[in-house]
Amino acid sequence: MCYGVCGMGPGSAAAAPFMVFFIIPLILGFVVPICLLKLFLWWRVFSKTGNSGAFALLLFAPFGTLIMLCILAFSTWPTEKKTEQQT
C-alpha cells in the first residue's frame, strides 16, 4: 500500500475540505482575474501594433509568449508603415 506519497493513505480524506475552502477560492479570486488582466493588456498591445487583438489568446498556448514575441518582433508596426508611405 501507498501511504502519504500517492495520496491514497489515511490522511487523504482531509485534502477535500482543504481544496474546497482554500485552493478553489484562491484560483477564482486571484489567478483568473490576473489571467484576464494579462489577456486584456496583451489584446491592447496587439491592437495598437496594427495586428488582431486575438493574438493575445496565444497566452494560453504552450510556447505562446514566444510566438507572441516573434510576431511583435518581425511584423511591420504602424510607425514603420507611415514612414514607408511618406517616402
Protein backbone atom coordinates (compact mmCIF):
# COMPACT_ATOMS: atom_id res chain seq x y z
CA MET A 1 0.00 0.00 0.00
CA CYS A 2 0.99 3.57 -0.54
CA TYR A 3 0.64 5.85 2.48
CA GLY A 4 1.05 9.59 2.10
CA VAL A 5 3.12 9.59 -1.07
CA CYS A 6 0.47 8.97 -3.70
CA GLY A 7 -2.46 10.47 -1.79
CA MET A 8 -4.19 7.18 -1.04
CA GLY A 9 -3.33 6.93 2.64
CA PRO A 10 -5.43 7.52 5.72
CA GLY A 11 -4.98 11.32 5.58
CA SER A 12 -6.29 11.76 2.04
CA ALA A 13 -9.83 12.47 3.23
CA ALA A 14 -8.58 15.67 4.85
CA ALA A 15 -7.48 17.04 1.49
CA ALA A 16 -11.02 17.56 0.19
CA PRO A 17 -12.01 20.39 2.59
CA PHE A 18 -8.61 22.00 2.07
CA MET A 19 -9.16 22.02 -1.67
CA VAL A 20 -12.72 23.33 -1.45
CA PHE A 21 -12.06 26.09 1.08
CA PHE A 22 -8.56 27.21 0.08
CA ILE A 23 -7.40 26.27 -3.40
CA ILE A 24 -10.61 26.85 -5.38
CA PRO A 25 -11.26 30.36 -3.94
CA LEU A 26 -7.59 31.16 -4.46
CA ILE A 27 -7.86 30.25 -8.12
CA LEU A 28 -11.16 32.06 -8.61
CA GLY A 29 -10.10 35.10 -6.61
CA PHE A 30 -6.57 35.71 -7.85
CA VAL A 31 -5.46 33.54 -10.75
CA VAL A 32 -8.48 34.06 -13.02
CA PRO A 33 -8.55 37.88 -12.65
CA ILE A 34 -4.80 38.11 -13.26
CA CYS A 35 -5.13 35.97 -16.40
CA LEU A 36 -7.99 38.14 -17.62
CA LEU A 37 -5.97 41.29 -16.95
CA LYS A 38 -2.99 39.90 -18.88
CA LEU A 39 -5.30 38.94 -21.74
CA PHE A 40 -6.80 42.44 -21.83
CA LEU A 41 -3.39 44.15 -21.76
CA TRP A 42 -1.88 41.98 -24.49
CA TRP A 43 -5.05 42.44 -26.58
CA ARG A 44 -4.47 46.21 -26.37
CA VAL A 45 -0.80 45.85 -27.28
CA PHE A 46 -1.57 43.81 -30.37
CA SER A 47 -4.36 46.18 -31.38
CA LYS A 48 -2.03 49.17 -31.12
CA THR A 49 0.59 47.49 -33.28
CA GLY A 50 -1.91 47.03 -36.09
CA ASN A 51 -2.37 43.30 -35.55
CA SER A 52 -5.50 41.47 -34.50
CA GLY A 53 -6.08 41.58 -30.76
CA ALA A 54 -6.97 37.90 -30.89
CA PHE A 55 -3.24 37.14 -30.96
CA ALA A 56 -3.43 37.69 -27.19
CA LEU A 57 -5.14 34.31 -26.90
CA LEU A 58 -1.73 32.78 -27.55
CA LEU A 59 -1.06 33.38 -23.85
CA PHE A 60 -2.95 30.18 -23.14
CA ALA A 61 -0.99 28.07 -25.65
CA PRO A 62 2.26 26.29 -24.88
CA PHE A 63 5.15 28.50 -26.01
CA GLY A 64 2.53 31.16 -26.73
CA THR A 65 4.57 34.02 -25.31
CA LEU A 66 7.50 33.04 -27.51
CA ILE A 67 5.21 33.06 -30.56
CA MET A 68 3.79 36.44 -29.49
CA LEU A 69 7.28 37.86 -29.13
CA CYS A 70 8.21 36.64 -32.63
CA ILE A 71 5.05 38.18 -34.09
CA LEU A 72 5.82 41.52 -32.46
CA ALA A 73 9.50 41.44 -33.40
CA PHE A 74 9.11 40.57 -37.07
CA SER A 75 5.85 42.27 -38.04
CA THR A 76 5.59 45.72 -39.58
CA TRP A 77 4.47 48.28 -37.00
CA PRO A 78 2.19 51.24 -37.82
CA THR A 79 5.07 53.69 -37.37
CA GLU A 80 7.07 51.80 -39.98
CA LYS A 81 4.08 51.81 -42.31
CA LYS A 82 3.78 55.60 -42.00
CA THR A 83 7.44 56.17 -42.84
CA GLU A 84 7.17 53.86 -45.87
CA GLN A 85 4.10 55.77 -47.14
CA GLN A 86 5.82 59.15 -46.72
CA THR A 87 8.88 58.21 -48.78
